[in-house]
Amino acid sequence: MSGSDEPVWSLVMFDLPVKTKPQRREATQFRGMLLDQGYQMAQFSVYVRYSPSVNSILPCLRTIKRNVPAGGEVRIITVTDRQWATALRYANGYEEQQEEEPSQLTIF
């Protein structure tokens, strides 16, 4: 991932084992860690975070890598703010309006 001054969205998608109580606890801790890193849940097992640049999310990505539960699968995608803004969203069969661009001063 190369550095850029362009605003980006980081998407974290994951499948974690949850068959046992310890696995469920680890999955909950992983979700909590994402929230602590400034991510918000977009859909179940999909979390997103807005950042003013790629370089500003690199520490978060290292933290995520260190906290992947055993047996878990995590995929991280970074898209530009422009790409995020053009994504189509549907709920209950209807297209939803585009989200407003967050202020760069927003702190998660």
PDB file of N, CA and C in Angstrom:
ATOM      1  N   MET A   1       0.856  -1.159   0.000  1.00  0.00           N
ATOM      2  CA  MET A   1       0.000   0.000   0.000  1.00  0.00           C
ATOM      3  C   MET A   1       0.906   1.227   0.000  1.00  0.00           C
ATOM      4  N   SER A   2       0.770   2.062  -1.018  1.00  0.00           N
ATOM      5  CA  SER A   2       1.612   3.245  -1.088  1.00  0.00           C
ATOM      6  C   SER A   2       0.957   4.418  -0.393  1.00  0.00           C
ATOM      7  N   GLY A   3       1.760   5.355   0.084  1.00  0.00           N
ATOM      8  CA  GLY A   3       1.249   6.527   0.778  1.00  0.00           C
ATOM      9  C   GLY A   3       0.543   7.473  -0.183  1.00  0.00           C
ATOM     10  N   SER A   4      -0.407   8.199   0.325  1.00  0.00           N
ATOM     11  CA  SER A   4      -1.157   9.144  -0.493  1.00  0.00           C
ATOM     12  C   SER A   4      -1.736  10.217   0.405  1.00  0.00           C
ATOM     13  N   ASP A   5      -1.890  11.411  -0.166  1.00  0.00           N
ATOM     14  CA  ASP A   5      -2.523  12.490   0.581  1.00  0.00           C
ATOM     15  C   ASP A   5      -4.020  12.510   0.357  1.00  0.00           C
ATOM     16  N   GLU A   6      -4.533  11.618  -0.495  1.00  0.00           N
ATOM     17  CA  GLU A   6      -5.958  11.577  -0.793  1.00  0.00           C
ATOM     18  C   GLU A   6      -6.712  10.876   0.341  1.00  0.00           C
ATOM     19  N   PRO A   7      -7.872  11.393   0.728  1.00  0.00           N
ATOM     20  CA  PRO A   7      -8.673  10.718   1.763  1.00  0.00           C
ATOM     21  C   PRO A   7      -9.058   9.306   1.318  1.00  0.00           C
ATOM     22  N   VAL A   8      -9.083   8.381   2.274  1.00  0.00           N
ATOM     23  CA  VAL A   8      -9.389   6.983   1.970  1.00  0.00           C
ATOM     24  C   VAL A   8     -10.346   6.393   3.000  1.00  0.00           C
ATOM     25  N   TRP A   9     -10.957   5.294   2.614  1.00  0.00           N
ATOM     26  CA  TRP A   9     -11.771   4.476   3.516  1.00  0.00           C
ATOM     27  C   TRP A   9     -11.092   3.117   3.603  1.00  0.00           C
ATOM     28  N   SER A  10     -10.948   2.624   4.798  1.00  0.00           N
ATOM     29  CA  SER A  10     -10.396   1.297   5.045  1.00  0.00           C
ATOM     30  C   SER A  10     -11.557   0.388   5.426  1.00  0.00           C
ATOM     31  N   LEU A  11     -11.729  -0.702   4.675  1.00  0.00           N
ATOM     32  CA  LEU A  11     -12.777  -1.680   4.950  1.00  0.00           C
ATOM     33  C   LEU A  11     -12.145  -2.940   5.508  1.00  0.00           C
ATOM     34  N   VAL A  12     -12.633  -3.395   6.639  1.00  0.00           N
ATOM     35  CA  VAL A  12     -12.161  -4.634   7.251  1.00  0.00           C
ATOM     36  C   VAL A  12     -13.324  -5.617   7.213  1.00  0.00           C
ATOM     37  N   MET A  13     -13.115  -6.716   6.498  1.00  0.00           N
ATOM     38  CA  MET A  13     -14.139  -7.763   6.383  1.00  0.00           C
ATOM     39  C   MET A  13     -13.570  -9.026   7.014  1.00  0.00           C
ATOM     40  N   PHE A  14     -14.389  -9.725   7.788  1.00  0.00           N
ATOM     41  CA  PHE A  14     -13.827 -10.876   8.486  1.00  0.00           C
ATOM     42  C   PHE A  14     -14.860 -11.968   8.729  1.00  0.00           C
ATOM     43  N   ASP A  15     -14.340 -13.170   8.816  1.00  0.00           N
ATOM     44  CA  ASP A  15     -15.074 -14.350   9.276  1.00  0.00           C
ATOM     45  C   ASP A  15     -14.262 -14.909  10.427  1.00  0.00           C
ATOM     46  N   LEU A  16     -14.894 -15.018  11.585  1.00  0.00           N
ATOM     47  CA  LEU A  16     -14.203 -15.523  12.769  1.00  0.00           C
ATOM     48  C   LEU A  16     -14.955 -16.723  13.318  1.00  0.00           C
ATOM     49  N   PRO A  17     -14.219 -17.717  13.832  1.00  0.00           N
ATOM     50  CA  PRO A  17     -14.901 -18.870  14.424  1.00  0.00           C
ATOM     51  C   PRO A  17     -15.647 -18.460  15.695  1.00  0.00           C
ATOM     52  N   VAL A  18     -16.860 -18.961  15.864  1.00  0.00           N
ATOM     53  CA  VAL A  18     -17.676 -18.613  17.040  1.00  0.00           C
ATOM     54  C   VAL A  18     -18.422 -19.827  17.604  1.00  0.00           C
ATOM     55  N   LYS A  19     -17.866 -21.022  17.399  1.00  0.00           N
ATOM     56  CA  LYS A  19     -18.544 -22.240  17.866  1.00  0.00           C
ATOM     57  C   LYS A  19     -18.400 -22.467  19.362  1.00  0.00           C
ATOM     58  N   THR A  20     -17.301 -22.007  19.938  1.00  0.00           N
ATOM     59  CA  THR A  20     -17.082 -22.220  21.371  1.00  0.00           C
ATOM     60  C   THR A  20     -17.125 -20.891  22.111  1.00  0.00           C
ATOM     61  N   LYS A  21     -17.285 -20.963  23.423  1.00  0.00           N
ATOM     62  CA  LYS A  21     -17.321 -19.740  24.225  1.00  0.00           C
ATOM     63  C   LYS A  21     -16.030 -18.926  24.093  1.00  0.00           C
ATOM     64  N   PRO A  22     -14.837 -19.566  24.151  1.00  0.00           N
ATOM     65  CA  PRO A  22     -13.599 -18.796  23.959  1.00  0.00           C
ATOM     66  C   PRO A  22     -13.522 -18.135  22.571  1.00  0.00           C
ATOM     67  N   GLN A  23     -14.005 -18.818  21.539  1.00  0.00           N
ATOM     68  CA  GLN A  23     -14.000 -18.235  20.195  1.00  0.00           C
ATOM     69  C   GLN A  23     -14.933 -17.019  20.127  1.00  0.00           C
ATOM     70  N   ARG A  24     -16.097 -17.123  20.746  1.00  0.00           N
ATOM     71  CA  ARG A  24     -17.027 -15.995  20.761  1.00  0.00           C
ATOM     72  C   ARG A  24     -16.417 -14.806  21.512  1.00  0.00           C
ATOM     73  N   ARG A  25     -15.726 -15.093  22.589  1.00  0.00           N
ATOM     74  CA  ARG A  25     -15.063 -14.037  23.361  1.00  0.00           C
ATOM     75  C   ARG A  25     -13.998 -13.350  22.506  1.00  0.00           C
ATOM     76  N   GLU A  26     -13.176 -14.146  21.789  1.00  0.00           N
ATOM     77  CA  GLU A  26     -12.150 -13.564  20.916  1.00  0.00           C
ATOM     78  C   GLU A  26     -12.773 -12.729  19.792  1.00  0.00           C
ATOM     79  N   ALA A  27     -13.890 -13.202  19.230  1.00  0.00           N
ATOM     80  CA  ALA A  27     -14.563 -12.454  18.167  1.00  0.00           C
ATOM     81  C   ALA A  27     -15.080 -11.119  18.704  1.00  0.00           C
ATOM     82  N   THR A  28     -15.639 -11.139  19.904  1.00  0.00           N
ATOM     83  CA  THR A  28     -16.122  -9.911  20.531  1.00  0.00           C
ATOM     84  C   THR A  28     -14.966  -8.957  20.805  1.00  0.00           C
ATOM     85  N   GLN A  29     -13.847  -9.493  21.266  1.00  0.00           N
ATOM     86  CA  GLN A  29     -12.671  -8.659  21.524  1.00  0.00           C
ATOM     87  C   GLN A  29     -12.136  -8.053  20.220  1.00  0.00           C
ATOM     88  N   PHE A  30     -12.182  -8.824  19.140  1.00  0.00           N
ATOM     89  CA  PHE A  30     -11.713  -8.318  17.852  1.00  0.00           C
ATOM     90  C   PHE A  30     -12.596  -7.158  17.382  1.00  0.00           C
ATOM     91  N   ARG A  31     -13.913  -7.331  17.500  1.00  0.00           N
ATOM     92  CA  ARG A  31     -14.829  -6.240  17.124  1.00  0.00           C
ATOM     93  C   ARG A  31     -14.593  -4.998  18.000  1.00  0.00           C
ATOM     94  N   GLY A  32     -14.370  -5.213  19.288  1.00  0.00           N
ATOM     95  CA  GLY A  32     -14.083  -4.105  20.194  1.00  0.00           C
ATOM     96  C   GLY A  32     -12.797  -3.381  19.829  1.00  0.00           C
ATOM     97  N   MET A  33     -11.791  -4.150  19.418  1.00  0.00           N
ATOM     98  CA  MET A  33     -10.524  -3.556  19.000  1.00  0.00           C
ATOM     99  C   MET A  33     -10.743  -2.688  17.767  1.00  0.00           C
ATOM    100  N   LEU A  34     -11.568  -3.150  16.818  1.00  0.00           N
ATOM    101  CA  LEU A  34     -11.857  -2.344  15.631  1.00  0.00           C
ATOM    102  C   LEU A  34     -12.525  -1.023  16.024  1.00  0.00           C
ATOM    103  N   LEU A  35     -13.480  -1.093  16.937  1.00  0.00           N
ATOM    104  CA  LEU A  35     -14.144   0.124  17.405  1.00  0.00           C
ATOM    105  C   LEU A  35     -13.141   1.060  18.083  1.00  0.00           C
ATOM    106  N   ASP A  36     -12.246   0.491  18.882  1.00  0.00           N
ATOM    107  CA  ASP A  36     -11.216   1.291  19.552  1.00  0.00           C
ATOM    108  C   ASP A  36     -10.281   1.965  18.542  1.00  0.00           C
ATOM    109  N   GLN A  37     -10.093   1.343  17.379  1.00  0.00           N
ATOM    110  CA  GLN A  37      -9.228   1.889  16.330  1.00  0.00           C
ATOM    111  C   GLN A  37      -9.955   2.916  15.457  1.00  0.00           C
ATOM    112  N   GLY A  38     -11.215   3.184  15.772  1.00  0.00           N
ATOM    113  CA  GLY A  38     -11.957   4.200  15.034  1.00  0.00           C
ATOM    114  C   GLY A  38     -12.814   3.676  13.903  1.00  0.00           C
ATOM    115  N   TYR A  39     -12.967   2.369  13.823  1.00  0.00           N
ATOM    116  CA  TYR A  39     -13.820   1.776  12.783  1.00  0.00           C
ATOM    117  C   TYR A  39     -15.270   1.801  13.237  1.00  0.00           C
ATOM    118  N   GLN A  40     -16.177   1.809  12.280  1.00  0.00           N
ATOM    119  CA  GLN A  40     -17.602   1.729  12.551  1.00  0.00           C
ATOM    120  C   GLN A  40     -18.163   0.540  11.784  1.00  0.00           C
ATOM    121  N   MET A  41     -19.174  -0.101  12.362  1.00  0.00           N
ATOM    122  CA  MET A  41     -19.770  -1.245  11.689  1.00  0.00           C
ATOM    123  C   MET A  41     -20.635  -0.754  10.527  1.00  0.00           C
ATOM    124  N   ALA A  42     -20.327  -1.231   9.313  1.00  0.00           N
ATOM    125  CA  ALA A  42     -21.130  -0.916   8.131  1.00  0.00           C
ATOM    126  C   ALA A  42     -22.171  -2.019   7.927  1.00  0.00           C
ATOM    127  N   GLN A  43     -21.766  -3.242   8.146  1.00  0.00           N
ATOM    128  CA  GLN A  43     -22.616  -4.421   8.090  1.00  0.00           C
ATOM    129  C   GLN A  43     -21.992  -5.419   9.062  1.00  0.00           C
ATOM    130  N   PHE A  44     -22.723  -6.457   9.392  1.00  0.00           N
ATOM    131  CA  PHE A  44     -22.165  -7.449  10.302  1.00  0.00           C
ATOM    132  C   PHE A  44     -20.886  -8.009   9.673  1.00  0.00           C
ATOM    133  N   SER A  45     -19.812  -7.990  10.392  1.00  0.00           N
ATOM    134  CA  SER A  45     -18.490  -8.462   9.961  1.00  0.00           C
ATOM    135  C   SER A  45     -17.866  -7.598   8.869  1.00  0.00           C
ATOM    136  N   VAL A  46     -18.349  -6.362   8.701  1.00  0.00           N
ATOM    137  CA  VAL A  46     -17.724  -5.391   7.800  1.00  0.00           C
ATOM    138  C   VAL A  46     -17.651  -4.064   8.546  1.00  0.00           C
ATOM    139  N   TYR A  47     -16.448  -3.603   8.775  1.00  0.00           N
ATOM    140  CA  TYR A  47     -16.232  -2.353   9.492  1.00  0.00           C
ATOM    141  C   TYR A  47     -15.469  -1.390   8.583  1.00  0.00           C
ATOM    142  N   VAL A  48     -15.741  -0.092   8.731  1.00  0.00           N
ATOM    143  CA  VAL A  48     -15.102   0.908   7.889  1.00  0.00           C
ATOM    144  C   VAL A  48     -14.554   2.053   8.731  1.00  0.00           C
ATOM    145  N   ARG A  49     -13.541   2.699   8.165  1.00  0.00           N
ATOM    146  CA  ARG A  49     -12.961   3.864   8.832  1.00  0.00           C
ATOM    147  C   ARG A  49     -12.515   4.857   7.772  1.00  0.00           C
ATOM    148  N   TYR A  50     -12.886   6.110   7.955  1.00  0.00           N
ATOM    149  CA  TYR A  50     -12.440   7.201   7.095  1.00  0.00           C
ATOM    150  C   TYR A  50     -11.118   7.726   7.624  1.00  0.00           C
ATOM    151  N   SER A  51     -10.199   8.010   6.711  1.00  0.00           N
ATOM    152  CA  SER A  51      -8.907   8.582   7.100  1.00  0.00           C
ATOM    153  C   SER A  51      -8.506   9.642   6.087  1.00  0.00           C
ATOM    154  N   PRO A  52      -7.885  10.707   6.554  1.00  0.00           N
ATOM    155  CA  PRO A  52      -7.473  11.766   5.624  1.00  0.00           C
ATOM    156  C   PRO A  52      -6.370  11.333   4.663  1.00  0.00           C
ATOM    157  N   SER A  53      -5.652  10.252   4.978  1.00  0.00           N
ATOM    158  CA  SER A  53      -4.608   9.737   4.082  1.00  0.00           C
ATOM    159  C   SER A  53      -4.320   8.277   4.422  1.00  0.00           C
ATOM    160  N   VAL A  54      -3.701   7.589   3.483  1.00  0.00           N
ATOM    161  CA  VAL A  54      -3.326   6.182   3.705  1.00  0.00           C
ATOM    162  C   VAL A  54      -2.362   6.069   4.876  1.00  0.00           C
ATOM    163  N   ASN A  55      -1.414   6.983   4.958  1.00  0.00           N
ATOM    164  CA  ASN A  55      -0.411   6.906   6.025  1.00  0.00           C
ATOM    165  C   ASN A  55      -1.032   6.961   7.411  1.00  0.00           C
ATOM    166  N   SER A  56      -2.162   7.629   7.554  1.00  0.00           N
ATOM    167  CA  SER A  56      -2.768   7.756   8.878  1.00  0.00           C
ATOM    168  C   SER A  56      -3.443   6.472   9.352  1.00  0.00           C
ATOM    169  N   ILE A  57      -3.668   5.518   8.456  1.00  0.00           N
ATOM    170  CA  ILE A  57      -4.295   4.259   8.899  1.00  0.00           C
ATOM    171  C   ILE A  57      -3.294   3.127   9.093  1.00  0.00           C
ATOM    172  N   LEU A  58      -2.048   3.333   8.697  1.00  0.00           N
ATOM    173  CA  LEU A  58      -1.056   2.254   8.801  1.00  0.00           C
ATOM    174  C   LEU A  58      -0.903   1.701  10.216  1.00  0.00           C
ATOM    175  N   PRO A  59      -0.865   2.533  11.265  1.00  0.00           N
ATOM    176  CA  PRO A  59      -0.778   1.962  12.618  1.00  0.00           C
ATOM    177  C   PRO A  59      -1.990   1.079  12.955  1.00  0.00           C
ATOM    178  N   CYS A  60      -3.171   1.465  12.501  1.00  0.00           N
ATOM    179  CA  CYS A  60      -4.376   0.652  12.741  1.00  0.00           C
ATOM    180  C   CYS A  60      -4.256  -0.704  12.066  1.00  0.00           C
ATOM    181  N   LEU A  61      -3.729  -0.709  10.852  1.00  0.00           N
ATOM    182  CA  LEU A  61      -3.600  -1.970  10.123  1.00  0.00           C
ATOM    183  C   LEU A  61      -2.648  -2.920  10.827  1.00  0.00           C
ATOM    184  N   ARG A  62      -1.582  -2.379  11.397  1.00  0.00           N
ATOM    185  CA  ARG A  62      -0.645  -3.225  12.165  1.00  0.00           C
ATOM    186  C   ARG A  62      -1.328  -3.792  13.411  1.00  0.00           C
ATOM    187  N   THR A  63      -2.157  -2.973  14.072  1.00  0.00           N
ATOM    188  CA  THR A  63      -2.883  -3.443  15.259  1.00  0.00           C
ATOM    189  C   THR A  63      -3.860  -4.552  14.883  1.00  0.00           C
ATOM    190  N   ILE A  64      -4.561  -4.387  13.780  1.00  0.00           N
ATOM    191  CA  ILE A  64      -5.503  -5.424  13.329  1.00  0.00           C
ATOM    192  C   ILE A  64      -4.759  -6.723  13.074  1.00  0.00           C
ATOM    193  N   LYS A  65      -3.636  -6.647  12.365  1.00  0.00           N
ATOM    194  CA  LYS A  65      -2.842  -7.842  12.044  1.00  0.00           C
ATOM    195  C   LYS A  65      -2.441  -8.592  13.320  1.00  0.00           C
ATOM    196  N   ARG A  66      -2.050  -7.850  14.351  1.00  0.00           N
ATOM    197  CA  ARG A  66      -1.625  -8.486  15.607  1.00  0.00           C
ATOM    198  C   ARG A  66      -2.782  -9.132  16.364  1.00  0.00           C
ATOM    199  N   ASN A  67      -4.021  -8.731  16.069  1.00  0.00           N
ATOM    200  CA  ASN A  67      -5.162  -9.180  16.856  1.00  0.00           C
ATOM    201  C   ASN A  67      -6.113 -10.136  16.152  1.00  0.00           C
ATOM    202  N   VAL A  68      -5.725 -10.670  14.999  1.00  0.00           N
ATOM    203  CA  VAL A  68      -6.592 -11.629  14.300  1.00  0.00           C
ATOM    204  C   VAL A  68      -6.674 -12.913  15.125  1.00  0.00           C
ATOM    205  N   PRO A  69      -7.883 -13.323  15.516  1.00  0.00           N
ATOM    206  CA  PRO A  69      -8.027 -14.549  16.305  1.00  0.00           C
ATOM    207  C   PRO A  69      -7.598 -15.792  15.517  1.00  0.00           C
ATOM    208  N   ALA A  70      -7.144 -16.802  16.239  1.00  0.00           N
ATOM    209  CA  ALA A  70      -6.773 -18.070  15.614  1.00  0.00           C
ATOM    210  C   ALA A  70      -7.957 -18.600  14.820  1.00  0.00           C
ATOM    211  N   GLY A  71      -7.702 -19.037  13.612  1.00  0.00           N
ATOM    212  CA  GLY A  71      -8.758 -19.584  12.764  1.00  0.00           C
ATOM    213  C   GLY A  71      -9.580 -18.521  12.050  1.00  0.00           C
ATOM    214  N   GLY A  72      -9.293 -17.243  12.322  1.00  0.00           N
ATOM    215  CA  GLY A  72     -10.049 -16.158  11.696  1.00  0.00           C
ATOM    216  C   GLY A  72      -9.489 -15.789  10.332  1.00  0.00           C
ATOM    217  N   GLU A  73     -10.358 -15.278   9.489  1.00  0.00           N
ATOM    218  CA  GLU A  73      -9.960 -14.771   8.184  1.00  0.00           C
ATOM    219  C   GLU A  73     -10.349 -13.305   8.107  1.00  0.00           C
ATOM    220  N   VAL A  74      -9.378 -12.455   7.775  1.00  0.00           N
ATOM    221  CA  VAL A  74      -9.601 -11.013   7.714  1.00  0.00           C
ATOM    222  C   VAL A  74      -9.096 -10.511   6.373  1.00  0.00           C
ATOM    223  N   ARG A  75      -9.888  -9.661   5.759  1.00  0.00           N
ATOM    224  CA  ARG A  75      -9.499  -9.023   4.499  1.00  0.00           C
ATOM    225  C   ARG A  75      -9.656  -7.517   4.687  1.00  0.00           C
ATOM    226  N   ILE A  76      -8.639  -6.760   4.299  1.00  0.00           N
ATOM    227  CA  ILE A  76      -8.666  -5.307   4.428  1.00  0.00           C
ATOM    228  C   ILE A  76      -8.498  -4.700   3.042  1.00  0.00           C
ATOM    229  N   ILE A  77      -9.410  -3.808   2.707  1.00  0.00           N
ATOM    230  CA  ILE A  77      -9.374  -3.117   1.419  1.00  0.00           C
ATOM    231  C   ILE A  77      -9.383  -1.622   1.700  1.00  0.00           C
ATOM    232  N   THR A  78      -8.582  -0.889   0.970  1.00  0.00           N
ATOM    233  CA  THR A  78      -8.568   0.562   1.078  1.00  0.00           C
ATOM    234  C   THR A  78      -9.055   1.141  -0.242  1.00  0.00           C
ATOM    235  N   VAL A  79     -10.045   2.018  -0.168  1.00  0.00           N
ATOM    236  CA  VAL A  79     -10.577   2.672  -1.363  1.00  0.00           C
ATOM    237  C   VAL A  79     -10.525   4.185  -1.164  1.00  0.00           C
ATOM    238  N   THR A  80     -10.422   4.899  -2.258  1.00  0.00           N
ATOM    239  CA  THR A  80     -10.386   6.349  -2.149  1.00  0.00           C
ATOM    240  C   THR A  80     -11.753   6.859  -1.721  1.00  0.00           C
ATOM    241  N   ASP A  81     -11.763   8.062  -1.202  1.00  0.00           N
ATOM    242  CA  ASP A  81     -13.017   8.678  -0.793  1.00  0.00           C
ATOM    243  C   ASP A  81     -13.948   8.824  -1.995  1.00  0.00           C
ATOM    244  N   ARG A  82     -13.387   9.114  -3.146  1.00  0.00           N
ATOM    245  CA  ARG A  82     -14.174   9.235  -4.379  1.00  0.00           C
ATOM    246  C   ARG A  82     -14.844   7.898  -4.728  1.00  0.00           C
ATOM    247  N   GLN A  83     -14.101   6.794  -4.626  1.00  0.00           N
ATOM    248  CA  GLN A  83     -14.676   5.476  -4.895  1.00  0.00           C
ATOM    249  C   GLN A  83     -15.780   5.148  -3.894  1.00  0.00           C
ATOM    250  N   TRP A  84     -15.552   5.452  -2.627  1.00  0.00           N
ATOM    251  CA  TRP A  84     -16.547   5.191  -1.584  1.00  0.00           C
ATOM    252  C   TRP A  84     -17.835   5.951  -1.881  1.00  0.00           C
ATOM    253  N   ALA A  85     -17.696   7.202  -2.306  1.00  0.00           N
ATOM    254  CA  ALA A  85     -18.852   8.055  -2.560  1.00  0.00           C
ATOM    255  C   ALA A  85     -19.706   7.557  -3.724  1.00  0.00           C
ATOM    256  N   THR A  86     -19.102   6.811  -4.642  1.00  0.00           N
ATOM    257  CA  THR A  86     -19.855   6.337  -5.805  1.00  0.00           C
ATOM    258  C   THR A  86     -20.431   4.937  -5.616  1.00  0.00           C
ATOM    259  N   ALA A  87     -20.212   4.348  -4.462  1.00  0.00           N
ATOM    260  CA  ALA A  87     -20.741   3.006  -4.202  1.00  0.00           C
ATOM    261  C   ALA A  87     -22.270   3.052  -4.145  1.00  0.00           C
ATOM    262  N   LEU A  88     -22.899   2.043  -4.705  1.00  0.00           N
ATOM    263  CA  LEU A  88     -24.354   1.933  -4.638  1.00  0.00           C
ATOM    264  C   LEU A  88     -24.737   1.209  -3.363  1.00  0.00           C
ATOM    265  N   ARG A  89     -25.796   1.690  -2.711  1.00  0.00           N
ATOM    266  CA  ARG A  89     -26.258   1.078  -1.463  1.00  0.00           C
ATOM    267  C   ARG A  89     -27.750   0.812  -1.575  1.00  0.00           C
ATOM    268  N   TYR A  90     -28.148  -0.382  -1.144  1.00  0.00           N
ATOM    269  CA  TYR A  90     -29.558  -0.759  -1.172  1.00  0.00           C
ATOM    270  C   TYR A  90     -29.969  -1.282   0.196  1.00  0.00           C
ATOM    271  N   ALA A  91     -31.190  -0.959   0.577  1.00  0.00           N
ATOM    272  CA  ALA A  91     -31.767  -1.481   1.812  1.00  0.00           C
ATOM    273  C   ALA A  91     -33.243  -1.741   1.547  1.00  0.00           C
ATOM    274  N   ASN A  92     -33.680  -2.936   1.899  1.00  0.00           N
ATOM    275  CA  ASN A  92     -35.081  -3.322   1.685  1.00  0.00           C
ATOM    276  C   ASN A  92     -35.525  -3.148   0.242  1.00  0.00           C
ATOM    277  N   GLY A  93     -34.612  -3.397  -0.694  1.00  0.00           N
ATOM    278  CA  GLY A  93     -34.937  -3.321  -2.110  1.00  0.00           C
ATOM    279  C   GLY A  93     -34.901  -1.925  -2.702  1.00  0.00           C
ATOM    280  N   TYR A  94     -34.563  -0.921  -1.895  1.00  0.00           N
ATOM    281  CA  TYR A  94     -34.533   0.459  -2.383  1.00  0.00           C
ATOM    282  C   TYR A  94     -33.123   1.020  -2.302  1.00  0.00           C
ATOM    283  N   GLU A  95     -32.770   1.829  -3.286  1.00  0.00           N
ATOM    284  CA  GLU A  95     -31.465   2.473  -3.269  1.00  0.00           C
ATOM    285  C   GLU A  95     -31.453   3.551  -2.194  1.00  0.00           C
ATOM    286  N   GLU A  96     -30.379   3.580  -1.420  1.00  0.00           N
ATOM    287  CA  GLU A  96     -30.235   4.587  -0.369  1.00  0.00           C
ATOM    288  C   GLU A  96     -29.436   5.765  -0.901  1.00  0.00           C
ATOM    289  N   GLN A  97     -29.633   6.914  -0.308  1.00  0.00           N
ATOM    290  CA  GLN A  97     -28.900   8.119  -0.681  1.00  0.00           C
ATOM    291  C   GLN A  97     -27.433   7.968  -0.277  1.00  0.00           C
ATOM    292  N   GLN A  98     -26.578   8.679  -0.995  1.00  0.00           N
ATOM    293  CA  GLN A  98     -25.158   8.647  -0.664  1.00  0.00           C
ATOM    294  C   GLN A  98     -24.936   9.299   0.687  1.00  0.00           C
ATOM    295  N   GLU A  99     -23.946   8.775   1.394  1.00  0.00           N
ATOM    296  CA  GLU A  99     -23.587   9.335   2.690  1.00  0.00           C
ATOM    297  C   GLU A  99     -22.868  10.659   2.481  1.00  0.00           C
ATOM    298  N   GLU A 100     -23.010  11.549   3.452  1.00  0.00           N
ATOM    299  CA  GLU A 100     -22.280  12.801   3.395  1.00  0.00           C
ATOM    300  C   GLU A 100     -20.815  12.527   3.699  1.00  0.00           C
ATOM    301  N   GLU A 101     -19.951  13.311   3.063  1.00  0.00           N
ATOM    302  CA  GLU A 101     -18.515  13.163   3.297  1.00  0.00           C
ATOM    303  C   GLU A 101     -18.195  13.643   4.706  1.00  0.00           C
ATOM    304  N   PRO A 102     -17.467  12.823   5.483  1.00  0.00           N
ATOM    305  CA  PRO A 102     -17.131  13.247   6.840  1.00  0.00           C
ATOM    306  C   PRO A 102     -16.119  14.384   6.807  1.00  0.00           C
ATOM    307  N   SER A 103     -16.172  15.218   7.791  1.00  0.00           N
ATOM    308  CA  SER A 103     -15.198  16.289   7.920  1.00  0.00           C
ATOM    309  C   SER A 103     -13.856  15.683   8.284  1.00  0.00           C
ATOM    310  N   GLN A 104     -12.792  16.235   7.763  1.00  0.00           N
ATOM    311  CA  GLN A 104     -11.456  15.730   8.104  1.00  0.00           C
ATOM    312  C   GLN A 104     -11.136  15.989   9.565  1.00  0.00           C
ATOM    313  N   LEU A 105     -11.910  16.835  10.211  1.00  0.00           N
ATOM    314  CA  LEU A 105     -11.686  17.111  11.632  1.00  0.00           C
ATOM    315  C   LEU A 105     -12.422  16.140  12.517  1.00  0.00           C
ATOM    316  N   THR A 106     -13.239  15.264  11.904  1.00  0.00           N
ATOM    317  CA  THR A 106     -13.982  14.291  12.685  1.00  0.00           C
ATOM    318  C   THR A 106     -13.023  13.343  13.371  1.00  0.00           C
ATOM    319  N   ILE A 107     -13.231  13.125  14.640  1.00  0.00           N
ATOM    320  CA  ILE A 107     -12.385  12.190  15.387  1.00  0.00           C
ATOM    321  C   ILE A 107     -13.255  11.022  15.797  1.00  0.00           C
ATOM    322  N   PHE A 108     -12.821   9.804  15.449  1.00  0.00           N
ATOM    323  CA  PHE A 108     -13.591   8.606  15.770  1.00  0.00           C
ATOM    324  C   PHE A 108     -13.155   8.071  17.101  1.00  0.00           C
TER     325      PHE A 108
END
